[in-house]
């Protein structure tokens, strides 16, 4: 049986409105050069005092969302 060779076509990056390759690179550079303390401070600043951030297995995400909706009902 003959083997078929598939060539991969390079994927074209598609960016959200207002974003381009330069903005992505600038963002990556900023985060890669950020100290661990600055990263933690940024993460903590994005969470309200009445909120928590937890890891949830993907197969439970829908159920957790439903619980949150019911709670805020």
PDB file of N, CA and C in Angstrom:
ATOM      1  N   UNK A   1       0.832  -1.169   0.000  1.00  0.00           N
ATOM      2  CA  UNK A   1       0.000   0.000   0.000  1.00  0.00           C
ATOM      3  C   UNK A   1       0.886   1.246   0.000  1.00  0.00           C
ATOM      4  N   UNK A   2       0.580   2.192  -0.828  1.00  0.00           N
ATOM      5  CA  UNK A   2       1.366   3.410  -0.928  1.00  0.00           C
ATOM      6  C   UNK A   2       0.987   4.384   0.187  1.00  0.00           C
ATOM      7  N   UNK A   3       2.029   5.007   0.719  1.00  0.00           N
ATOM      8  CA  UNK A   3       1.783   6.003   1.752  1.00  0.00           C
ATOM      9  C   UNK A   3       1.438   7.333   1.102  1.00  0.00           C
ATOM     10  N   UNK A   4       0.481   8.025   1.690  1.00  0.00           N
ATOM     11  CA  UNK A   4       0.146   9.358   1.195  1.00  0.00           C
ATOM     12  C   UNK A   4       0.787  10.379   2.119  1.00  0.00           C
ATOM     13  N   UNK A   5       1.339  11.384   1.538  1.00  0.00           N
ATOM     14  CA  UNK A   5       1.983  12.440   2.312  1.00  0.00           C
ATOM     15  C   UNK A   5       1.087  13.653   2.320  1.00  0.00           C
ATOM     16  N   UNK A   6       0.800  14.116   3.519  1.00  0.00           N
ATOM     17  CA  UNK A   6      -0.027  15.312   3.645  1.00  0.00           C
ATOM     18  C   UNK A   6       0.868  16.473   4.067  1.00  0.00           C
ATOM     19  N   UNK A   7       0.729  17.550   3.350  1.00  0.00           N
ATOM     20  CA  UNK A   7       1.460  18.749   3.736  1.00  0.00           C
ATOM     21  C   UNK A   7       0.517  19.654   4.502  1.00  0.00           C
ATOM     22  N   UNK A   8       1.020  20.152   5.601  1.00  0.00           N
ATOM     23  CA  UNK A   8       0.203  21.049   6.402  1.00  0.00           C
ATOM     24  C   UNK A   8       0.360  22.467   5.878  1.00  0.00           C
ATOM     25  N   UNK A   9      -0.777  23.094   5.676  1.00  0.00           N
ATOM     26  CA  UNK A   9      -0.776  24.486   5.276  1.00  0.00           C
ATOM     27  C   UNK A   9      -0.671  25.325   6.538  1.00  0.00           C
ATOM     28  N   UNK A  10       0.257  26.290   6.561  1.00  0.00           N
ATOM     29  CA  UNK A  10       0.345  27.122   7.759  1.00  0.00           C
ATOM     30  C   UNK A  10      -0.991  27.805   8.045  1.00  0.00           C
ATOM     31  N   UNK A  11      -1.375  27.769   9.317  1.00  0.00           N
ATOM     32  CA  UNK A  11      -2.646  28.390   9.689  1.00  0.00           C
ATOM     33  C   UNK A  11      -2.477  29.906   9.724  1.00  0.00           C
ATOM     34  N   UNK A  12      -3.482  30.597   9.253  1.00  0.00           N
ATOM     35  CA  UNK A  12      -3.481  32.053   9.307  1.00  0.00           C
ATOM     36  C   UNK A  12      -4.075  32.454  10.649  1.00  0.00           C
ATOM     37  N   UNK A  13      -3.323  33.280  11.362  1.00  0.00           N
ATOM     38  CA  UNK A  13      -3.837  33.765  12.650  1.00  0.00           C
ATOM     39  C   UNK A  13      -4.989  34.719  12.417  1.00  0.00           C
ATOM     40  N   UNK A  14      -6.048  34.515  13.145  1.00  0.00           N
ATOM     41  CA  UNK A  14      -7.186  35.422  13.102  1.00  0.00           C
ATOM     42  C   UNK A  14      -7.293  36.075  14.470  1.00  0.00           C
ATOM     43  N   UNK A  15      -7.285  37.396  14.476  1.00  0.00           N
ATOM     44  CA  UNK A  15      -7.305  38.145  15.721  1.00  0.00           C
ATOM     45  C   UNK A  15      -8.657  38.812  15.922  1.00  0.00           C
ATOM     46  N   UNK A  16      -9.025  39.027  17.180  1.00  0.00           N
ATOM     47  CA  UNK A  16     -10.253  39.776  17.450  1.00  0.00           C
ATOM     48  C   UNK A  16     -10.121  41.208  16.924  1.00  0.00           C
ATOM     49  N   UNK A  17     -11.234  41.850  16.756  1.00  0.00           N
ATOM     50  CA  UNK A  17     -11.244  43.227  16.274  1.00  0.00           C
ATOM     51  C   UNK A  17     -10.341  44.083  17.167  1.00  0.00           C
ATOM     52  N   UNK A  18      -9.490  44.881  16.547  1.00  0.00           N
ATOM     53  CA  UNK A  18      -8.588  45.755  17.282  1.00  0.00           C
ATOM     54  C   UNK A  18      -7.257  45.122  17.650  1.00  0.00           C
ATOM     55  N   UNK A  19      -7.102  43.841  17.373  1.00  0.00           N
ATOM     56  CA  UNK A  19      -5.859  43.139  17.682  1.00  0.00           C
ATOM     57  C   UNK A  19      -5.137  42.792  16.387  1.00  0.00           C
ATOM     58  N   UNK A  20      -3.814  42.738  16.459  1.00  0.00           N
ATOM     59  CA  UNK A  20      -2.997  42.297  15.334  1.00  0.00           C
ATOM     60  C   UNK A  20      -1.761  41.601  15.908  1.00  0.00           C
ATOM     61  N   UNK A  21      -0.894  41.128  15.048  1.00  0.00           N
ATOM     62  CA  UNK A  21       0.296  40.391  15.484  1.00  0.00           C
ATOM     63  C   UNK A  21       1.159  41.232  16.434  1.00  0.00           C
ATOM     64  N   UNK A  22       1.314  42.514  16.131  1.00  0.00           N
ATOM     65  CA  UNK A  22       2.150  43.384  16.970  1.00  0.00           C
ATOM     66  C   UNK A  22       1.579  43.501  18.382  1.00  0.00           C
ATOM     67  N   UNK A  23       0.265  43.647  18.494  1.00  0.00           N
ATOM     68  CA  UNK A  23      -0.356  43.774  19.810  1.00  0.00           C
ATOM     69  C   UNK A  23      -0.223  42.475  20.596  1.00  0.00           C
ATOM     70  N   UNK A  24      -0.369  41.352  19.920  1.00  0.00           N
ATOM     71  CA  UNK A  24      -0.208  40.052  20.583  1.00  0.00           C
ATOM     72  C   UNK A  24       1.216  39.915  21.101  1.00  0.00           C
ATOM     73  N   UNK A  25       2.196  40.239  20.276  1.00  0.00           N
ATOM     74  CA  UNK A  25       3.592  40.134  20.690  1.00  0.00           C
ATOM     75  C   UNK A  25       3.901  41.058  21.867  1.00  0.00           C
ATOM     76  N   UNK A  26       3.360  42.268  21.841  1.00  0.00           N
ATOM     77  CA  UNK A  26       3.560  43.219  22.939  1.00  0.00           C
ATOM     78  C   UNK A  26       2.971  42.669  24.240  1.00  0.00           C
ATOM     79  N   UNK A  27       1.785  42.080  24.140  1.00  0.00           N
ATOM     80  CA  UNK A  27       1.136  41.496  25.319  1.00  0.00           C
ATOM     81  C   UNK A  27       1.947  40.326  25.862  1.00  0.00           C
ATOM     82  N   UNK A  28       2.399  39.452  24.963  1.00  0.00           N
ATOM     83  CA  UNK A  28       3.217  38.312  25.387  1.00  0.00           C
ATOM     84  C   UNK A  28       4.498  38.767  26.069  1.00  0.00           C
ATOM     85  N   UNK A  29       5.161  39.752  25.475  1.00  0.00           N
ATOM     86  CA  UNK A  29       6.398  40.279  26.054  1.00  0.00           C
ATOM     87  C   UNK A  29       6.148  40.842  27.446  1.00  0.00           C
ATOM     88  N   UNK A  30       5.046  41.550  27.597  1.00  0.00           N
ATOM     89  CA  UNK A  30       4.707  42.132  28.892  1.00  0.00           C
ATOM     90  C   UNK A  30       4.509  41.054  29.948  1.00  0.00           C
ATOM     91  N   UNK A  31       3.727  40.025  29.626  1.00  0.00           N
ATOM     92  CA  UNK A  31       3.465  38.966  30.601  1.00  0.00           C
ATOM     93  C   UNK A  31       4.704  38.116  30.869  1.00  0.00           C
ATOM     94  N   UNK A  32       5.511  37.866  29.839  1.00  0.00           N
ATOM     95  CA  UNK A  32       6.710  37.045  30.031  1.00  0.00           C
ATOM     96  C   UNK A  32       7.761  37.746  30.889  1.00  0.00           C
ATOM     97  N   UNK A  33       7.755  39.077  30.902  1.00  0.00           N
ATOM     98  CA  UNK A  33       8.748  39.816  31.689  1.00  0.00           C
ATOM     99  C   UNK A  33       8.215  40.214  33.064  1.00  0.00           C
ATOM    100  N   UNK A  34       6.967  39.881  33.347  1.00  0.00           N
ATOM    101  CA  UNK A  34       6.319  40.253  34.604  1.00  0.00           C
ATOM    102  C   UNK A  34       6.869  39.404  35.757  1.00  0.00           C
ATOM    103  N   UNK A  35       7.149  40.044  36.875  1.00  0.00           N
ATOM    104  CA  UNK A  35       7.607  39.291  38.049  1.00  0.00           C
ATOM    105  C   UNK A  35       6.444  38.460  38.597  1.00  0.00           C
ATOM    106  N   UNK A  36       6.782  37.452  39.377  1.00  0.00           N
ATOM    107  CA  UNK A  36       5.742  36.609  39.959  1.00  0.00           C
ATOM    108  C   UNK A  36       4.856  37.421  40.906  1.00  0.00           C
ATOM    109  N   UNK A  37       5.463  38.323  41.679  1.00  0.00           N
ATOM    110  CA  UNK A  37       4.689  39.170  42.599  1.00  0.00           C
ATOM    111  C   UNK A  37       3.714  40.057  41.830  1.00  0.00           C
ATOM    112  N   UNK A  38       4.173  40.635  40.710  1.00  0.00           N
ATOM    113  CA  UNK A  38       3.284  41.473  39.904  1.00  0.00           C
ATOM    114  C   UNK A  38       2.147  40.655  39.288  1.00  0.00           C
ATOM    115  N   UNK A  39       2.447  39.422  38.880  1.00  0.00           N
ATOM    116  CA  UNK A  39       1.419  38.554  38.300  1.00  0.00           C
ATOM    117  C   UNK A  39       0.355  38.224  39.343  1.00  0.00           C
ATOM    118  N   UNK A  40       0.790  37.908  40.559  1.00  0.00           N
ATOM    119  CA  UNK A  40      -0.153  37.596  41.639  1.00  0.00           C
ATOM    120  C   UNK A  40      -1.011  38.814  41.949  1.00  0.00           C
ATOM    121  N   UNK A  41      -0.377  39.990  42.024  1.00  0.00           N
ATOM    122  CA  UNK A  41      -1.127  41.216  42.319  1.00  0.00           C
ATOM    123  C   UNK A  41      -2.159  41.486  41.236  1.00  0.00           C
ATOM    124  N   UNK A  42      -1.806  41.261  39.977  1.00  0.00           N
ATOM    125  CA  UNK A  42      -2.751  41.466  38.875  1.00  0.00           C
ATOM    126  C   UNK A  42      -3.916  40.488  38.968  1.00  0.00           C
ATOM    127  N   UNK A  43      -3.601  39.232  39.278  1.00  0.00           N
ATOM    128  CA  UNK A  43      -4.664  38.225  39.426  1.00  0.00           C
ATOM    129  C   UNK A  43      -5.604  38.593  40.565  1.00  0.00           C
ATOM    130  N   UNK A  44      -5.039  38.991  41.683  1.00  0.00           N
ATOM    131  CA  UNK A  44      -5.863  39.325  42.846  1.00  0.00           C
ATOM    132  C   UNK A  44      -6.705  40.576  42.607  1.00  0.00           C
ATOM    133  N   UNK A  45      -6.189  41.506  41.831  1.00  0.00           N
ATOM    134  CA  UNK A  45      -6.926  42.736  41.545  1.00  0.00           C
ATOM    135  C   UNK A  45      -8.164  42.457  40.691  1.00  0.00           C
ATOM    136  N   UNK A  46      -8.153  41.357  39.954  1.00  0.00           N
ATOM    137  CA  UNK A  46      -9.273  41.023  39.080  1.00  0.00           C
ATOM    138  C   UNK A  46     -10.391  40.264  39.761  1.00  0.00           C
ATOM    139  N   UNK A  47     -10.236  39.976  41.040  1.00  0.00           N
ATOM    140  CA  UNK A  47     -11.241  39.206  41.780  1.00  0.00           C
ATOM    141  C   UNK A  47     -11.805  40.086  42.890  1.00  0.00           C
ATOM    142  N   UNK A  48     -13.120  40.195  42.926  1.00  0.00           N
ATOM    143  CA  UNK A  48     -13.775  40.977  43.975  1.00  0.00           C
ATOM    144  C   UNK A  48     -13.602  40.279  45.322  1.00  0.00           C
ATOM    145  N   UNK A  49     -13.606  41.042  46.415  1.00  0.00           N
ATOM    146  CA  UNK A  49     -13.456  40.434  47.741  1.00  0.00           C
ATOM    147  C   UNK A  49     -14.515  39.366  48.045  1.00  0.00           C
ATOM    148  N   UNK A  50     -15.682  39.474  47.421  1.00  0.00           N
ATOM    149  CA  UNK A  50     -16.746  38.499  47.677  1.00  0.00           C
ATOM    150  C   UNK A  50     -16.667  37.287  46.747  1.00  0.00           C
ATOM    151  N   UNK A  51     -15.615  37.194  45.939  1.00  0.00           N
ATOM    152  CA  UNK A  51     -15.478  36.116  44.963  1.00  0.00           C
ATOM    153  C   UNK A  51     -14.262  35.247  45.280  1.00  0.00           C
ATOM    154  N   UNK A  52     -14.247  34.062  44.675  1.00  0.00           N
ATOM    155  CA  UNK A  52     -13.109  33.150  44.756  1.00  0.00           C
ATOM    156  C   UNK A  52     -12.842  32.588  43.372  1.00  0.00           C
ATOM    157  N   UNK A  53     -11.628  32.162  43.163  1.00  0.00           N
ATOM    158  CA  UNK A  53     -11.253  31.519  41.908  1.00  0.00           C
ATOM    159  C   UNK A  53     -10.856  30.090  42.238  1.00  0.00           C
ATOM    160  N   UNK A  54     -11.469  29.128  41.539  1.00  0.00           N
ATOM    161  CA  UNK A  54     -11.155  27.723  41.779  1.00  0.00           C
ATOM    162  C   UNK A  54     -10.995  27.002  40.445  1.00  0.00           C
ATOM    163  N   UNK A  55     -10.334  25.866  40.496  1.00  0.00           N
ATOM    164  CA  UNK A  55     -10.229  25.012  39.316  1.00  0.00           C
ATOM    165  C   UNK A  55     -11.412  24.042  39.340  1.00  0.00           C
ATOM    166  N   UNK A  56     -12.032  23.894  38.184  1.00  0.00           N
ATOM    167  CA  UNK A  56     -13.177  23.002  38.067  1.00  0.00           C
ATOM    168  C   UNK A  56     -12.923  22.071  36.894  1.00  0.00           C
ATOM    169  N   UNK A  57     -13.082  20.772  37.088  1.00  0.00           N
ATOM    170  CA  UNK A  57     -12.933  19.861  35.950  1.00  0.00           C
ATOM    171  C   UNK A  57     -13.902  20.262  34.836  1.00  0.00           C
ATOM    172  N   UNK A  58     -13.437  20.196  33.604  1.00  0.00           N
ATOM    173  CA  UNK A  58     -14.244  20.643  32.461  1.00  0.00           C
ATOM    174  C   UNK A  58     -15.625  19.996  32.418  1.00  0.00           C
ATOM    175  N   UNK A  59     -15.693  18.740  32.771  1.00  0.00           N
ATOM    176  CA  UNK A  59     -16.992  18.069  32.675  1.00  0.00           C
ATOM    177  C   UNK A  59     -17.981  18.554  33.735  1.00  0.00           C
ATOM    178  N   UNK A  60     -17.526  19.354  34.687  1.00  0.00           N
ATOM    179  CA  UNK A  60     -18.428  19.906  35.705  1.00  0.00           C
ATOM    180  C   UNK A  60     -18.747  21.384  35.496  1.00  0.00           C
ATOM    181  N   UNK A  61     -18.107  22.026  34.528  1.00  0.00           N
ATOM    182  CA  UNK A  61     -18.276  23.468  34.325  1.00  0.00           C
ATOM    183  C   UNK A  61     -19.745  23.839  34.110  1.00  0.00           C
ATOM    184  N   UNK A  62     -20.458  23.126  33.280  1.00  0.00           N
ATOM    185  CA  UNK A  62     -21.864  23.448  33.006  1.00  0.00           C
ATOM    186  C   UNK A  62     -22.701  23.374  34.287  1.00  0.00           C
ATOM    187  N   UNK A  63     -22.453  22.367  35.094  1.00  0.00           N
ATOM    188  CA  UNK A  63     -23.211  22.224  36.338  1.00  0.00           C
ATOM    189  C   UNK A  63     -22.889  23.347  37.319  1.00  0.00           C
ATOM    190  N   UNK A  64     -21.629  23.737  37.381  1.00  0.00           N
ATOM    191  CA  UNK A  64     -21.234  24.835  38.265  1.00  0.00           C
ATOM    192  C   UNK A  64     -21.888  26.131  37.804  1.00  0.00           C
ATOM    193  N   UNK A  65     -21.911  26.359  36.496  1.00  0.00           N
ATOM    194  CA  UNK A  65     -22.579  27.558  35.968  1.00  0.00           C
ATOM    195  C   UNK A  65     -24.052  27.575  36.356  1.00  0.00           C
ATOM    196  N   UNK A  66     -24.707  26.430  36.244  1.00  0.00           N
ATOM    197  CA  UNK A  66     -26.121  26.348  36.617  1.00  0.00           C
ATOM    198  C   UNK A  66     -26.313  26.690  38.097  1.00  0.00           C
ATOM    199  N   UNK A  67     -25.437  26.193  38.952  1.00  0.00           N
ATOM    200  CA  UNK A  67     -25.527  26.504  40.382  1.00  0.00           C
ATOM    201  C   UNK A  67     -25.362  28.002  40.620  1.00  0.00           C
ATOM    202  N   UNK A  68     -24.438  28.622  39.921  1.00  0.00           N
ATOM    203  CA  UNK A  68     -24.212  30.068  40.087  1.00  0.00           C
ATOM    204  C   UNK A  68     -25.442  30.839  39.633  1.00  0.00           C
ATOM    205  N   UNK A  69     -26.015  30.451  38.508  1.00  0.00           N
ATOM    206  CA  UNK A  69     -27.220  31.131  38.019  1.00  0.00           C
ATOM    207  C   UNK A  69     -28.350  31.001  39.026  1.00  0.00           C
ATOM    208  N   UNK A  70     -28.524  29.803  39.570  1.00  0.00           N
ATOM    209  CA  UNK A  70     -29.585  29.597  40.573  1.00  0.00           C
ATOM    210  C   UNK A  70     -29.318  30.431  41.825  1.00  0.00           C
ATOM    211  N   UNK A  71     -28.063  30.526  42.210  1.00  0.00           N
ATOM    212  CA  UNK A  71     -27.696  31.279  43.407  1.00  0.00           C
ATOM    213  C   UNK A  71     -27.998  32.762  43.227  1.00  0.00           C
ATOM    214  N   UNK A  72     -27.727  33.294  42.034  1.00  0.00           N
ATOM    215  CA  UNK A  72     -27.960  34.709  41.761  1.00  0.00           C
ATOM    216  C   UNK A  72     -29.388  34.972  41.296  1.00  0.00           C
ATOM    217  N   UNK A  73     -30.112  33.865  40.966  1.00  0.00           N
ATOM    218  CA  UNK A  73     -31.465  33.854  40.489  1.00  0.00           C
ATOM    219  C   UNK A  73     -32.221  35.062  40.695  1.00  0.00           C
TER     220      UNK A  73
END
